[in-house]
Amino acid sequence: MAAALDSWKANESPAKLKALPDPVEFPEDLRGNFTLVSYTLGKVDGTDPVVIRYSVTLSLKDRKGKLTEREAVYAVALKSPVVVARDPYY
C-alpha cells in the first residue's frame, strides 16, 4: 500500500510499479488531476484473506495549487500482480 502511494507522491509513472519484482497495479484516477502531497494510513481491515482494506487520509494539490484533504479506503488484492484500488463501497 505504502509503495503505491509513495510512487504517486514521487510523481512516478504507474509503469514503474508494474516493473517491480513483485508488480503492483495502481489505477488511481485522481492522479490525472491531483498531486499527492502526503498521506496518513489509518485503520487496516485484514479480515478478508484475499483483500486488505486501508483507510487513508490523502492531502492533495490540484492543478491550481489548491490543497484539499480526502478520506479514502483502498483495497489491496493479494494476487499477482498486487492490485491497489479505491474501494467503491466505502
Protein backbone atom coordinates (compact mmCIF):
# COMPACT_ATOMS: atom_id res chain seq x y z
CA MET A 1 0.00 0.00 0.00
CA ALA A 2 2.66 2.48 1.03
CA ALA A 3 4.75 1.70 -2.08
CA ALA A 4 1.83 2.64 -4.34
CA LEU A 5 1.15 5.90 -2.50
CA ASP A 6 4.86 6.76 -2.27
CA SER A 7 5.15 6.25 -6.02
CA TRP A 8 2.23 8.63 -6.64
CA LYS A 9 3.72 11.16 -4.20
CA ALA A 10 7.06 10.99 -6.07
CA ASN A 11 5.17 11.53 -9.36
CA GLU A 12 6.47 8.24 -10.75
CA SER A 13 4.85 6.51 -13.67
CA PRO A 14 2.44 3.66 -12.87
CA ALA A 15 4.64 1.55 -15.16
CA LYS A 16 7.43 1.73 -12.57
CA LEU A 17 5.22 -0.12 -10.06
CA LYS A 18 4.41 -2.76 -12.66
CA ALA A 19 8.14 -3.33 -13.26
CA LEU A 20 8.88 -4.18 -9.61
CA PRO A 21 9.94 -7.76 -8.71
CA ASP A 22 6.50 -8.05 -7.06
CA PRO A 23 4.48 -6.00 -9.58
CA VAL A 24 1.76 -3.63 -8.40
CA GLU A 25 -1.13 -2.21 -10.41
CA PHE A 26 -2.38 1.12 -9.06
CA PRO A 27 -5.10 2.56 -11.36
CA GLU A 28 -5.71 5.74 -9.35
CA ASP A 29 -7.89 8.11 -11.37
CA LEU A 30 -7.09 11.06 -9.07
CA ARG A 31 -3.53 11.12 -10.48
CA GLY A 32 -4.79 12.94 -13.56
CA ASN A 33 -5.96 15.99 -11.62
CA PHE A 34 -4.13 15.90 -8.29
CA THR A 35 -0.62 15.63 -6.92
CA LEU A 36 -0.30 13.65 -3.72
CA VAL A 37 1.39 15.89 -1.15
CA SER A 38 1.17 13.50 1.80
CA TYR A 39 -0.92 10.70 3.22
CA THR A 40 -1.71 9.10 6.54
CA LEU A 41 -2.54 5.42 6.81
CA GLY A 42 -5.39 4.73 9.19
CA LYS A 43 -7.33 1.65 10.18
CA VAL A 44 -6.44 -1.64 8.49
CA ASP A 45 -9.11 -4.28 7.88
CA GLY A 46 -7.46 -7.63 7.30
CA THR A 47 -10.50 -9.81 7.95
CA ASP A 48 -10.72 -10.86 4.29
CA PRO A 49 -7.92 -13.31 3.38
CA VAL A 50 -7.82 -12.08 -0.23
CA VAL A 51 -8.24 -8.30 0.12
CA ILE A 52 -6.82 -5.98 2.78
CA ARG A 53 -8.54 -2.60 3.17
CA TYR A 54 -6.72 0.51 4.35
CA SER A 55 -8.31 3.77 5.46
CA VAL A 56 -6.18 6.63 4.19
CA THR A 57 -6.25 10.40 4.53
CA LEU A 58 -4.90 11.98 1.35
CA SER A 59 -3.52 15.52 1.19
CA LEU A 60 -3.89 16.56 -2.44
CA LYS A 61 -2.94 19.58 -4.53
CA ASP A 62 -4.94 20.39 -7.66
CA ARG A 63 -3.55 21.95 -10.84
CA LYS A 64 -4.17 25.45 -9.49
CA GLY A 65 -2.21 24.69 -6.30
CA LYS A 66 -5.24 24.44 -4.00
CA LEU A 67 -4.75 21.94 -1.18
CA THR A 68 -7.52 19.60 -0.09
CA GLU A 69 -7.86 16.51 2.07
CA ARG A 70 -9.85 13.41 1.20
CA GLU A 71 -10.66 10.27 3.10
CA ALA A 72 -10.45 7.08 1.07
CA VAL A 73 -10.44 3.34 1.58
CA TYR A 74 -8.08 1.37 -0.62
CA ALA A 75 -8.47 -2.32 -1.29
CA VAL A 76 -5.27 -4.28 -1.83
CA ALA A 77 -5.91 -7.52 -3.71
CA LEU A 78 -3.26 -10.05 -2.79
CA LYS A 79 -2.65 -11.67 -6.14
CA SER A 80 -0.03 -11.38 -8.87
CA PRO A 81 0.23 -8.60 -9.71
CA VAL A 82 -0.95 -6.97 -6.50
CA VAL A 83 -3.79 -4.55 -7.27
CA VAL A 84 -4.31 -1.39 -5.20
CA ALA A 85 -7.55 0.49 -5.91
CA ARG A 86 -10.01 2.71 -4.11
CA ASP A 87 -12.81 0.61 -2.70
CA PRO A 88 -16.06 1.89 -4.23
CA TYR A 89 -18.15 0.62 -1.34
CA TYR A 90 -16.56 2.88 1.29
